[in-house]
Protein backbone atom coordinates (compact mmCIF):
# COMPACT_ATOMS: atom_id res chain seq x y z
CA MET A 1 69.19 139.45 182.94
CA LYS A 2 70.58 136.09 183.45
CA ASN A 3 67.32 134.64 181.57
CA ILE A 4 67.48 137.18 178.42
CA LYS A 5 70.91 136.33 177.76
CA ASN A 6 69.87 132.61 178.14
CA LEU A 7 67.21 133.31 175.71
CA THR A 8 69.04 134.78 173.14
CA LEU A 9 72.01 132.55 173.17
CA ALA A 10 69.19 129.84 172.52
CA MET A 11 67.69 131.95 169.87
CA THR A 12 71.42 132.36 167.90
CA SER A 13 72.04 128.93 168.11
CA ALA A 14 68.47 127.60 166.44
CA LEU A 15 68.90 130.49 164.03
CA VAL A 16 72.72 128.23 163.01
CA PHE A 17 71.18 125.35 163.25
CA ALA A 18 67.86 126.03 160.94
CA THR A 19 70.65 127.89 158.60
CA GLY A 20 72.92 125.13 159.05
CA ALA A 21 70.68 122.17 158.06
CA ALA A 22 69.09 124.37 155.21
CA ALA A 23 72.18 124.20 153.76
CA GLN A 24 72.25 120.28 154.74
CA THR A 25 69.11 119.81 153.12
CA TRP A 26 69.73 122.18 150.15
CA PRO A 27 68.07 121.71 147.12
CA ASP A 28 65.27 119.43 148.56
CA LYS A 29 63.20 119.80 145.15
CA PRO A 30 63.42 121.70 141.49
CA VAL A 31 65.65 124.47 141.33
CA HIS A 32 64.26 127.16 139.56
CA ILE A 33 65.82 129.92 137.61
CA ILE A 34 64.41 132.98 136.25
CA VAL A 35 65.93 134.29 133.15
CA PRO A 36 64.36 137.89 132.41
CA ALA A 37 64.71 137.43 128.11
CA PRO A 38 63.50 135.44 125.61
CA ALA A 39 63.77 131.52 124.42
CA GLY A 40 66.79 131.03 122.72
CA SER A 41 69.01 134.42 124.09
CA SER A 42 72.27 134.72 124.84
CA LEU A 43 70.58 134.35 128.87
CA ASP A 44 68.84 131.75 128.39
CA ILE A 45 71.54 129.35 126.41
CA ILE A 46 73.67 130.68 129.37
CA VAL A 47 71.27 129.22 131.99
CA ARG A 48 70.25 125.90 129.82
CA THR A 49 73.92 125.07 129.38
CA MET A 50 74.98 125.16 132.95
CA GLY A 51 71.28 123.89 134.53
CA ASP A 52 71.66 120.70 132.73
CA LYS A 53 75.25 120.01 134.45
CA LEU A 54 73.83 121.73 137.90
CA LYS A 55 71.05 119.69 137.71
CA ASP A 56 73.31 116.44 138.35
CA ARG A 57 75.43 118.07 141.34
CA TRP A 58 71.97 118.90 143.26
CA LYS A 59 70.29 115.34 142.01
CA GLN A 60 67.01 117.81 141.17
CA SER A 61 65.57 119.30 138.60
CA VAL A 62 66.30 122.64 137.21
CA ILE A 63 63.78 124.59 136.00
CA VAL A 64 64.30 127.21 133.53
CA GLU A 65 61.15 130.07 133.44
CA ASN A 66 61.17 132.87 130.94
CA LYS A 67 60.05 135.43 131.63
CA ALA A 68 61.09 138.90 129.40
CA GLY A 69 59.60 142.54 130.02
CA ALA A 70 61.02 145.75 131.07
CA GLY A 71 63.70 145.65 130.38
CA GLY A 72 64.82 142.72 132.28
CA MET A 73 63.28 144.08 135.88
CA LEU A 74 59.99 142.19 135.11
CA GLY A 75 62.15 138.24 135.67
CA MET A 76 64.29 139.98 138.39
CA ASP A 77 61.82 141.95 139.96
CA THR A 78 60.21 137.66 140.38
CA VAL A 79 63.49 137.06 141.74
CA ALA A 80 63.43 139.60 144.27
CA LYS A 81 59.84 139.20 145.66
CA SER A 82 60.73 135.11 145.79
CA ALA A 83 60.80 133.23 149.09
CA PRO A 84 64.75 133.11 150.35
CA ASN A 85 65.60 129.50 150.53
CA GLY A 86 67.42 129.35 147.85
CA MET A 87 64.94 127.34 145.25
CA THR A 88 64.42 130.37 142.83
CA LEU A 89 66.71 131.94 141.42
CA GLY A 90 67.93 133.94 138.40
CA ILE A 91 70.24 135.09 135.24
CA GLY A 92 70.71 139.16 136.03
CA PHE A 93 72.27 141.31 133.57
CA ASN A 94 73.74 144.83 133.28
CA GLY A 95 70.74 146.42 132.32
CA PRO A 96 67.89 145.96 135.27
CA ILE A 97 70.81 145.46 137.68
CA ALA A 98 74.06 148.14 137.91
CA PHE A 99 71.92 150.08 135.07
CA GLY A 100 68.45 150.65 136.31
CA PRO A 101 68.19 152.53 139.95
CA TYR A 102 70.28 155.59 137.57
CA MET A 103 67.75 155.13 134.74
CA TYR A 104 64.60 154.97 136.47
CA LYS A 105 62.91 157.17 138.79
CA LYS A 106 61.44 153.92 140.59
CA MET A 107 61.90 150.43 140.30
CA ALA A 108 59.72 147.39 141.69
CA TYR A 109 62.87 146.31 143.62
CA ASN A 110 65.66 147.48 144.36
CA PRO A 111 68.60 145.56 143.52
CA ALA A 112 71.30 146.11 145.98
CA THR A 113 68.99 145.56 149.26
CA ASP A 114 66.60 142.75 147.27
CA LEU A 115 69.42 140.37 145.35
CA VAL A 116 72.05 138.48 146.32
CA PRO A 117 74.67 138.22 144.19
CA VAL A 118 75.85 134.69 143.94
CA VAL A 119 78.11 134.97 140.82
CA LEU A 120 79.35 136.30 137.94
CA THR A 121 78.41 133.92 134.82
CA THR A 122 79.96 135.64 132.09
CA SER A 123 80.74 138.34 130.20
CA GLN A 124 80.92 139.87 126.35
CA PRO A 125 82.32 142.94 124.82
CA ASN A 126 80.78 145.08 121.84
CA VAL A 127 82.64 145.55 118.94
CA LEU A 128 82.64 148.72 117.25
CA ALA A 129 81.07 147.89 113.61
CA ILE A 130 80.82 150.49 110.71
CA GLN A 131 79.72 150.02 106.83
CA VAL A 132 82.39 148.69 104.86
CA SER A 133 82.73 151.25 102.34
CA ASN A 134 83.45 153.89 105.64
CA PRO A 135 87.32 154.90 104.96
CA ALA A 136 88.09 154.23 108.09
CA ASN A 137 89.86 150.59 109.04
CA THR A 138 90.96 151.46 112.26
CA VAL A 139 89.39 153.36 115.51
CA PRO A 140 92.05 156.62 114.99
CA GLU A 141 90.89 156.46 111.08
CA PHE A 142 87.36 156.29 112.56
CA VAL A 143 87.33 159.16 115.38
CA ALA A 144 89.11 161.45 113.15
CA TRP A 145 86.05 161.14 109.96
CA ALA A 146 83.72 161.16 113.02
CA LYS A 147 85.05 164.40 114.24
CA LYS A 148 84.53 165.54 110.14
CA GLN A 149 80.80 164.83 110.11
CA GLY A 150 79.78 167.33 112.78
CA ASP A 151 76.61 166.90 114.17
CA LYS A 152 75.72 164.46 110.80
CA MET A 153 76.45 161.34 111.82
CA ASN A 154 73.75 158.71 113.37
CA TYR A 155 74.87 155.71 115.85
CA ALA A 156 72.49 153.02 116.43
CA SER A 157 72.04 150.83 119.86
CA VAL A 158 69.87 148.26 120.45
CA GLY A 159 67.81 150.15 122.62
CA ASN A 160 67.34 152.94 124.71
CA GLY A 161 69.63 152.37 128.01
CA SER A 162 71.12 148.99 126.83
CA SER A 163 75.09 148.28 127.09
CA SER A 164 75.36 148.68 123.67
CA HIS A 165 73.84 152.89 124.10
CA LEU A 166 75.70 153.65 126.80
CA SER A 167 78.58 151.78 125.62
CA MET A 168 78.77 154.54 123.00
CA GLU A 169 78.08 156.98 125.00
CA LEU A 170 81.43 156.75 126.58
CA PHE A 171 83.21 156.12 123.69
CA LYS A 172 81.74 159.33 122.14
CA ASN A 173 82.72 160.85 126.04
CA THR A 174 86.36 159.61 125.41
CA ALA A 175 87.20 159.53 122.06
CA ASP A 176 85.06 163.54 122.19
CA PHE A 177 83.22 163.23 118.69
CA ASN A 178 79.46 164.12 118.18
CA ALA A 179 76.79 161.35 116.90
CA LEU A 180 72.44 161.14 116.99
CA HIS A 181 71.91 158.13 119.10
CA VAL A 182 69.01 156.46 116.78
CA PRO A 183 67.66 153.24 119.02
CA TYR A 184 66.35 150.05 117.73
CA ALA A 185 64.19 146.47 118.62
CA GLY A 186 67.39 144.36 119.51
CA SER A 187 70.28 143.98 117.47
CA PRO A 188 68.41 142.57 114.16
CA PRO A 189 66.98 145.90 112.98
CA ALA A 190 70.57 148.09 114.36
CA GLY A 191 72.37 146.00 112.80
CA LEU A 192 70.45 146.28 109.27
CA SER A 193 69.91 150.02 109.56
CA LEU A 194 73.87 150.21 110.18
CA ALA A 195 74.07 147.92 106.57
CA ALA A 196 71.59 149.93 104.83
CA GLY A 197 73.17 153.72 105.37
CA ASP A 198 70.51 155.00 107.81
CA THR A 199 73.09 154.76 111.01
CA GLN A 200 77.36 154.98 110.50
CA ALA A 201 77.87 152.92 113.69
CA LEU A 202 76.87 150.66 116.13
CA LEU A 203 78.72 148.83 119.20
CA THR A 204 77.11 145.43 120.40
CA VAL A 205 78.40 142.13 120.99
CA ALA A 206 79.92 140.18 117.30
CA PRO A 207 77.10 137.31 117.28
CA ALA A 208 74.40 139.31 115.99
CA LEU A 209 76.69 140.97 113.36
CA LEU A 210 78.58 137.99 111.90
CA PRO A 211 76.39 137.55 109.04
CA LEU A 212 76.75 140.63 108.13
CA VAL A 213 80.48 141.02 107.80
CA GLN A 214 80.36 137.69 106.46
CA SER A 215 78.13 139.11 103.72
CA GLY A 216 79.86 142.12 103.19
CA ARG A 217 77.74 144.94 104.23
CA ILE A 218 79.97 146.15 107.47
CA LYS A 219 83.24 145.38 109.02
CA LEU A 220 84.14 145.29 112.98
CA ILE A 221 87.19 147.80 114.11
CA ALA A 222 87.81 147.04 117.51
CA VAL A 223 86.28 145.28 120.15
CA THR A 224 85.04 147.10 124.08
CA SER A 225 87.72 144.07 126.01
CA ALA A 226 90.16 145.51 127.87
CA LYS A 227 92.40 142.62 126.11
CA ARG A 228 91.69 141.16 122.69
CA MET A 229 89.38 138.25 122.29
CA GLU A 230 90.69 134.61 121.45
CA SER A 231 87.93 134.19 119.00
CA MET A 232 88.69 137.64 117.44
CA LYS A 233 92.40 137.71 117.48
CA ASN A 234 92.69 139.82 114.57
CA LEU A 235 90.75 142.48 116.46
CA PRO A 236 92.19 144.84 118.51
CA THR A 237 90.81 146.63 121.07
CA VAL A 238 89.72 150.19 122.09
CA ALA A 239 92.41 150.52 124.49
CA GLU A 240 94.83 149.47 122.56
CA SER A 241 94.37 151.79 119.74
CA GLY A 242 94.84 155.16 121.84
CA TYR A 243 92.19 155.53 124.18
CA PRO A 244 93.90 153.11 127.31
CA GLY A 245 92.36 151.63 130.11
CA PHE A 246 88.62 152.15 128.12
CA GLU A 247 86.66 148.39 128.04
CA ALA A 248 82.57 148.63 127.96
CA LEU A 249 81.53 145.12 128.72
CA ALA A 250 77.80 143.25 129.25
CA TRP A 251 77.56 140.75 131.66
CA ASN A 252 74.92 138.57 133.83
CA GLY A 253 75.15 136.47 137.05
CA LEU A 254 72.84 134.31 138.80
CA PHE A 255 70.77 136.52 141.89
CA ALA A 256 69.14 135.23 145.15
CA PRO A 257 66.40 136.60 146.78
CA ALA A 258 68.01 138.74 149.46
CA GLY A 259 67.41 136.84 153.17
CA THR A 260 68.62 133.92 151.30
CA PRO A 261 71.38 131.70 154.09
CA SER A 262 74.35 132.35 153.60
CA GLU A 263 75.55 128.69 153.13
CA VAL A 264 73.43 128.00 149.81
CA VAL A 265 74.47 130.91 148.53
CA ASN A 266 77.82 129.27 149.04
CA GLN A 267 77.20 126.41 147.96
CA ILE A 268 75.20 127.58 144.43
CA ASN A 269 78.67 129.61 143.78
CA ALA A 270 80.46 126.55 144.61
CA ASP A 271 78.63 124.41 142.51
CA VAL A 272 78.34 127.15 139.46
CA ASN A 273 81.85 127.69 139.65
CA ALA A 274 82.83 124.19 139.26
CA VAL A 275 80.35 123.26 136.34
CA LEU A 276 81.90 126.55 134.19
CA LYS A 277 84.74 124.97 134.46
CA GLU A 278 83.56 122.51 132.58
CA PRO A 279 85.33 121.76 129.15
CA SER A 280 81.74 121.09 127.14
CA VAL A 281 80.26 124.00 129.10
CA ARG A 282 83.04 126.38 128.46
CA GLU A 283 83.17 125.66 124.41
CA THR A 284 79.39 125.61 124.34
CA LEU A 285 80.06 129.35 126.08
CA GLU A 286 82.84 130.17 124.06
CA LYS A 287 81.44 129.00 121.14
CA GLN A 288 78.55 132.30 121.86
CA GLY A 289 81.62 135.21 122.31
CA LEU A 290 81.16 134.86 125.87
CA ILE A 291 83.82 135.28 128.39
CA ILE A 292 83.53 133.04 130.95
CA GLY A 293 82.59 133.67 134.56
CA GLY A 294 83.81 132.90 138.14
CA GLY A 295 84.49 134.09 141.26
CA SER A 296 83.03 134.41 145.06
CA SER A 297 80.24 136.45 146.20
CA ALA A 298 82.45 139.29 147.50
CA GLU A 299 83.62 139.26 143.84
CA PHE A 300 80.69 139.87 141.72
CA LYS A 301 79.12 142.53 144.79
CA GLN A 302 82.67 144.39 144.31
CA PHE A 303 82.37 144.41 140.66
CA ILE A 304 78.34 145.04 140.29
CA ASP A 305 79.67 148.27 142.68
CA SER A 306 81.93 149.78 140.17
CA GLU A 307 79.83 149.14 137.36
CA GLY A 308 77.27 151.06 139.10
CA LYS A 309 79.34 154.04 139.77
CA LYS A 310 81.07 153.58 136.39
CA TRP A 311 77.82 153.86 133.99
CA GLY A 312 75.77 155.68 136.71
CA ALA A 313 78.33 158.76 136.17
CA ILE A 314 77.66 158.45 132.40
CA ILE A 315 74.03 158.05 132.31
CA LYS A 316 74.06 161.11 134.28
CA LYS A 317 75.88 162.18 131.89
CA VAL A 318 74.18 162.55 129.01
CA GLY A 319 70.68 162.63 130.94
CA ILE A 320 69.55 159.29 130.06
CA SER A 321 66.18 158.31 131.28
CA ILE A 322 63.29 155.61 130.80
CA ASP A 323 60.64 157.10 132.64
């Protein structure tokens, strides 16, 4: 019995030593960060902006790999199946992390067990856009107008199961009006459908719509963040427009494969938090309309759990299924 106890202690000590050694030597080669979206996308910009600073801290190159496809699941599956040594990370977002388990009957990975949340990087609210000819100029006026349309109103989204789609479903449910969902492949065609009058409303991120706003074809009447955006102070929130507590954010953060040593996760978390505080990084990201993230790994996990419960209820109620 004594020998077994000594063996157990020895194995535990060896594991602690090996884990500590891994943290001390990490990274000993270039770090790969998987972006489950195309080059030039907001996720790509976030990773490359941080990567330029992280390489200086890590004394290693940061290699960005774009693996778009399957609503972000292709890239995150690659991360989930990578060696748990902190050398391969991925930037996940709502869809393949919090929405997917409720929309797909089967996923190639389980976000809750195959991935470790490392740190929230940024979040971004959607804006409520309508045609410039619409008589409504406030949320209450729009809701009143929408209710008068009955079943004749269409709303656009940037894709089935996207934050754009689910945010409008939450808004419809909260404000109690009807509208038919018309999904498009991204923000440009969705915005153009609104400008052309094929659809009558759209919730999506602001940068994609600004050219249409500047050309006087559409107008923005609200933002879905809890507080007004610094970059759009004149735009009221849905919450302050008669729907207290309403919030719908598109968010993203870094993930590591399950089994990655906690010391390595903590080091990555600390370094990303430091980089997100650098003025040049903040300026670049805020110009994209992004809210700077940060915080601990535990806080990020708690946030993801709450987001899953919130949006899972909406997905179930609406009956959204991608399969």
